[in-house]
Amino acid sequence: MTPQPDDELRDEVERRADRLDRHERDRGGMLAQTIYIGTLAGLLVLPVVAGAYIGRWLDGMHAGYSVRWTVSLIVLGVVVGAVNVYRFLQDHD
């Protein structure tokens, strides 16, 4: 006996509905996505801000106007933050 068009249609609709349900369960909610993006932002921004504060403190210890430490530690913070984000994405994908 050959499958009827109604049976094929019902099977296709059930398959797609199951797929949508699985996608909704696995996707996570808005809160989970917000936490994920916030974690990425924190991993990138915190080393940059820490480098800026420490660099400013070190530059303030020397006489005259200098931004050597500030700029150097900001660049180092960007590199460290980028590596943090890269490693986080590799672990969670």
N, C-alpha and C. Protein backbone atom coordinates (compact mmCIF):
# COMPACT_ATOMS: atom_id res chain seq x y z
N MET A 1 0.84 -1.18 0.00
CA MET A 1 0.00 0.00 0.00
C MET A 1 0.89 1.24 0.00
N THR A 2 0.62 2.18 -0.87
CA THR A 2 1.43 3.39 -0.96
C THR A 2 0.94 4.41 0.05
N PRO A 3 1.87 5.22 0.57
CA PRO A 3 1.44 6.24 1.54
C PRO A 3 0.53 7.27 0.87
N GLN A 4 -0.45 7.69 1.60
CA GLN A 4 -1.38 8.69 1.11
C GLN A 4 -0.76 10.08 1.26
N PRO A 5 -1.17 11.03 0.43
CA PRO A 5 -0.64 12.40 0.55
C PRO A 5 -0.90 12.99 1.93
N ASP A 6 -2.04 12.62 2.54
CA ASP A 6 -2.33 13.15 3.88
C ASP A 6 -1.33 12.62 4.90
N ASP A 7 -0.94 11.35 4.78
CA ASP A 7 0.05 10.77 5.69
C ASP A 7 1.41 11.45 5.53
N GLU A 8 1.80 11.70 4.31
CA GLU A 8 3.08 12.37 4.05
C GLU A 8 3.08 13.78 4.61
N LEU A 9 1.98 14.47 4.40
CA LEU A 9 1.86 15.84 4.92
C LEU A 9 1.90 15.84 6.44
N ARG A 10 1.18 14.92 7.08
CA ARG A 10 1.17 14.85 8.54
C ARG A 10 2.57 14.55 9.08
N ASP A 11 3.27 13.61 8.45
CA ASP A 11 4.63 13.27 8.88
C ASP A 11 5.57 14.46 8.74
N GLU A 12 5.44 15.17 7.63
CA GLU A 12 6.31 16.34 7.42
C GLU A 12 6.03 17.43 8.44
N VAL A 13 4.77 17.67 8.73
CA VAL A 13 4.40 18.69 9.73
C VAL A 13 4.90 18.28 11.11
N GLU A 14 4.77 17.01 11.46
CA GLU A 14 5.26 16.54 12.76
C GLU A 14 6.77 16.66 12.86
N ARG A 15 7.47 16.33 11.79
CA ARG A 15 8.93 16.46 11.79
C ARG A 15 9.36 17.91 11.98
N ARG A 16 8.70 18.79 11.29
CA ARG A 16 9.06 20.22 11.42
C ARG A 16 8.69 20.77 12.79
N ALA A 17 7.58 20.35 13.34
CA ALA A 17 7.18 20.80 14.67
C ALA A 17 8.17 20.30 15.72
N ASP A 18 8.60 19.05 15.60
CA ASP A 18 9.61 18.53 16.53
C ASP A 18 10.91 19.31 16.41
N ARG A 19 11.29 19.63 15.20
CA ARG A 19 12.52 20.39 14.98
C ARG A 19 12.43 21.78 15.61
N LEU A 20 11.29 22.43 15.46
CA LEU A 20 11.10 23.75 16.07
C LEU A 20 11.12 23.66 17.60
N ASP A 21 10.50 22.63 18.15
CA ASP A 21 10.51 22.45 19.60
C ASP A 21 11.93 22.23 20.13
N ARG A 22 12.69 21.40 19.44
CA ARG A 22 14.09 21.17 19.85
C ARG A 22 14.88 22.46 19.77
N HIS A 23 14.67 23.23 18.73
CA HIS A 23 15.39 24.49 18.57
C HIS A 23 15.05 25.45 19.72
N GLU A 24 13.78 25.54 20.08
CA GLU A 24 13.38 26.43 21.17
C GLU A 24 14.00 26.01 22.50
N ARG A 25 14.08 24.71 22.76
CA ARG A 25 14.68 24.23 24.01
C ARG A 25 16.18 24.49 24.04
N ASP A 26 16.86 24.30 22.93
CA ASP A 26 18.31 24.42 22.90
C ASP A 26 18.78 25.87 22.81
N ARG A 27 17.96 26.74 22.29
CA ARG A 27 18.36 28.12 22.04
C ARG A 27 18.61 28.90 23.32
N GLY A 28 17.87 28.65 24.33
CA GLY A 28 18.00 29.43 25.56
C GLY A 28 17.16 30.69 25.46
N GLY A 29 16.92 31.30 26.58
CA GLY A 29 16.07 32.48 26.59
C GLY A 29 16.87 33.76 26.43
N MET A 30 16.15 34.84 26.49
CA MET A 30 16.75 36.16 26.35
C MET A 30 17.75 36.42 27.48
N LEU A 31 17.44 35.95 28.67
CA LEU A 31 18.35 36.14 29.80
C LEU A 31 19.67 35.41 29.57
N ALA A 32 19.60 34.19 29.05
CA ALA A 32 20.82 33.43 28.79
C ALA A 32 21.67 34.12 27.73
N GLN A 33 21.05 34.66 26.70
CA GLN A 33 21.80 35.36 25.66
C GLN A 33 22.41 36.65 26.20
N THR A 34 21.68 37.34 27.06
CA THR A 34 22.20 38.57 27.65
C THR A 34 23.41 38.28 28.54
N ILE A 35 23.33 37.21 29.31
CA ILE A 35 24.45 36.83 30.17
C ILE A 35 25.66 36.45 29.32
N TYR A 36 25.43 35.74 28.22
CA TYR A 36 26.52 35.32 27.33
C TYR A 36 27.23 36.54 26.74
N ILE A 37 26.46 37.50 26.23
CA ILE A 37 27.04 38.71 25.64
C ILE A 37 27.74 39.54 26.72
N GLY A 38 27.14 39.62 27.91
CA GLY A 38 27.77 40.36 29.00
C GLY A 38 29.09 39.74 29.44
N THR A 39 29.15 38.42 29.42
CA THR A 39 30.41 37.74 29.75
C THR A 39 31.48 38.06 28.72
N LEU A 40 31.10 38.02 27.44
CA LEU A 40 32.07 38.37 26.39
C LEU A 40 32.56 39.80 26.55
N ALA A 41 31.64 40.72 26.83
CA ALA A 41 32.02 42.12 27.00
C ALA A 41 32.94 42.29 28.21
N GLY A 42 32.62 41.62 29.29
CA GLY A 42 33.47 41.70 30.48
C GLY A 42 34.86 41.15 30.25
N LEU A 43 34.94 40.05 29.51
CA LEU A 43 36.25 39.46 29.22
C LEU A 43 37.12 40.38 28.37
N LEU A 44 36.49 41.20 27.55
CA LEU A 44 37.26 42.11 26.70
C LEU A 44 37.54 43.44 27.40
N VAL A 45 36.55 43.99 28.08
CA VAL A 45 36.67 45.34 28.62
C VAL A 45 37.48 45.40 29.91
N LEU A 46 37.34 44.44 30.79
CA LEU A 46 38.03 44.52 32.08
C LEU A 46 39.56 44.61 31.97
N PRO A 47 40.21 43.81 31.12
CA PRO A 47 41.66 43.98 31.00
C PRO A 47 42.08 45.35 30.44
N VAL A 48 41.27 45.90 29.56
CA VAL A 48 41.58 47.22 28.99
C VAL A 48 41.47 48.30 30.07
N VAL A 49 40.39 48.26 30.83
CA VAL A 49 40.20 49.26 31.89
C VAL A 49 41.25 49.10 32.98
N ALA A 50 41.56 47.86 33.35
CA ALA A 50 42.61 47.64 34.35
C ALA A 50 43.96 48.16 33.86
N GLY A 51 44.26 47.93 32.60
CA GLY A 51 45.51 48.45 32.03
C GLY A 51 45.55 49.96 32.04
N ALA A 52 44.42 50.60 31.76
CA ALA A 52 44.37 52.07 31.77
C ALA A 52 44.60 52.61 33.18
N TYR A 53 43.95 52.01 34.17
CA TYR A 53 44.12 52.50 35.55
C TYR A 53 45.54 52.26 36.06
N ILE A 54 46.06 51.09 35.83
CA ILE A 54 47.42 50.81 36.31
C ILE A 54 48.43 51.67 35.57
N GLY A 55 48.25 51.84 34.27
CA GLY A 55 49.16 52.70 33.49
C GLY A 55 49.10 54.14 33.94
N ARG A 56 47.91 54.64 34.22
CA ARG A 56 47.78 56.02 34.70
C ARG A 56 48.46 56.19 36.05
N TRP A 57 48.33 55.19 36.90
CA TRP A 57 48.97 55.25 38.21
C TRP A 57 50.49 55.25 38.06
N LEU A 58 51.02 54.39 37.18
CA LEU A 58 52.47 54.35 36.96
C LEU A 58 52.98 55.64 36.33
N ASP A 59 52.21 56.22 35.38
CA ASP A 59 52.61 57.49 34.78
C ASP A 59 52.57 58.63 35.79
N GLY A 60 51.65 58.56 36.72
CA GLY A 60 51.56 59.61 37.74
C GLY A 60 52.71 59.59 38.72
N MET A 61 53.43 58.48 38.80
CA MET A 61 54.55 58.38 39.72
C MET A 61 55.79 59.10 39.18
N HIS A 62 55.81 59.40 37.90
CA HIS A 62 56.96 60.07 37.29
C HIS A 62 56.67 61.56 37.13
N ALA A 63 57.73 62.37 37.21
CA ALA A 63 57.57 63.81 37.04
C ALA A 63 57.32 64.11 35.56
N GLY A 64 56.49 65.12 35.30
CA GLY A 64 56.21 65.51 33.92
C GLY A 64 55.02 64.75 33.36
N TYR A 65 54.71 65.11 32.12
CA TYR A 65 53.55 64.50 31.45
C TYR A 65 54.02 63.31 30.64
N SER A 66 53.49 62.16 30.96
CA SER A 66 53.87 60.95 30.25
C SER A 66 52.65 60.03 30.15
N VAL A 67 52.51 59.38 29.02
CA VAL A 67 51.42 58.42 28.84
C VAL A 67 51.96 57.08 28.35
N ARG A 68 53.27 56.91 28.50
CA ARG A 68 53.88 55.67 28.01
C ARG A 68 53.26 54.42 28.62
N TRP A 69 53.17 54.40 29.94
CA TRP A 69 52.64 53.22 30.61
C TRP A 69 51.15 53.05 30.31
N THR A 70 50.44 54.16 30.28
CA THR A 70 49.00 54.08 30.03
C THR A 70 48.71 53.46 28.67
N VAL A 71 49.36 53.98 27.63
CA VAL A 71 49.13 53.46 26.28
C VAL A 71 49.59 52.01 26.17
N SER A 72 50.75 51.73 26.72
CA SER A 72 51.28 50.37 26.64
C SER A 72 50.37 49.36 27.31
N LEU A 73 49.88 49.70 28.49
CA LEU A 73 49.03 48.76 29.21
C LEU A 73 47.62 48.68 28.63
N ILE A 74 47.15 49.74 27.98
CA ILE A 74 45.87 49.64 27.28
C ILE A 74 46.00 48.68 26.10
N VAL A 75 47.09 48.80 25.34
CA VAL A 75 47.31 47.88 24.21
C VAL A 75 47.44 46.44 24.72
N LEU A 76 48.18 46.27 25.80
CA LEU A 76 48.30 44.94 26.39
C LEU A 76 46.94 44.42 26.85
N GLY A 77 46.11 45.30 27.41
CA GLY A 77 44.77 44.91 27.83
C GLY A 77 43.89 44.49 26.66
N VAL A 78 44.02 45.16 25.52
CA VAL A 78 43.26 44.77 24.33
C VAL A 78 43.69 43.38 23.87
N VAL A 79 44.99 43.13 23.87
CA VAL A 79 45.49 41.81 23.45
C VAL A 79 45.01 40.72 24.41
N VAL A 80 45.14 40.97 25.69
CA VAL A 80 44.71 39.99 26.70
C VAL A 80 43.19 39.76 26.60
N GLY A 81 42.43 40.83 26.42
CA GLY A 81 40.98 40.70 26.28
C GLY A 81 40.60 39.91 25.04
N ALA A 82 41.28 40.15 23.93
CA ALA A 82 40.99 39.41 22.70
C ALA A 82 41.30 37.92 22.88
N VAL A 83 42.39 37.62 23.54
CA VAL A 83 42.74 36.21 23.80
C VAL A 83 41.70 35.59 24.72
N ASN A 84 41.25 36.32 25.73
CA ASN A 84 40.20 35.82 26.63
C ASN A 84 38.93 35.48 25.86
N VAL A 85 38.49 36.39 25.00
CA VAL A 85 37.27 36.16 24.23
C VAL A 85 37.45 34.97 23.30
N TYR A 86 38.59 34.88 22.64
CA TYR A 86 38.85 33.77 21.72
C TYR A 86 38.80 32.43 22.46
N ARG A 87 39.46 32.35 23.60
CA ARG A 87 39.46 31.10 24.37
C ARG A 87 38.07 30.77 24.91
N PHE A 88 37.32 31.78 25.32
CA PHE A 88 35.96 31.54 25.81
C PHE A 88 35.08 31.00 24.69
N LEU A 89 35.18 31.58 23.51
CA LEU A 89 34.38 31.12 22.37
C LEU A 89 34.79 29.71 21.94
N GLN A 90 36.07 29.39 22.02
CA GLN A 90 36.52 28.04 21.66
C GLN A 90 35.99 27.00 22.64
N ASP A 91 35.92 27.36 23.91
CA ASP A 91 35.44 26.42 24.93
C ASP A 91 33.93 26.22 24.88
N HIS A 92 33.18 27.24 24.44
CA HIS A 92 31.73 27.18 24.49
C HIS A 92 31.06 26.94 23.16
N ASP A 93 31.81 26.67 22.12
CA ASP A 93 31.19 26.37 20.82
C ASP A 93 31.28 24.92 20.47
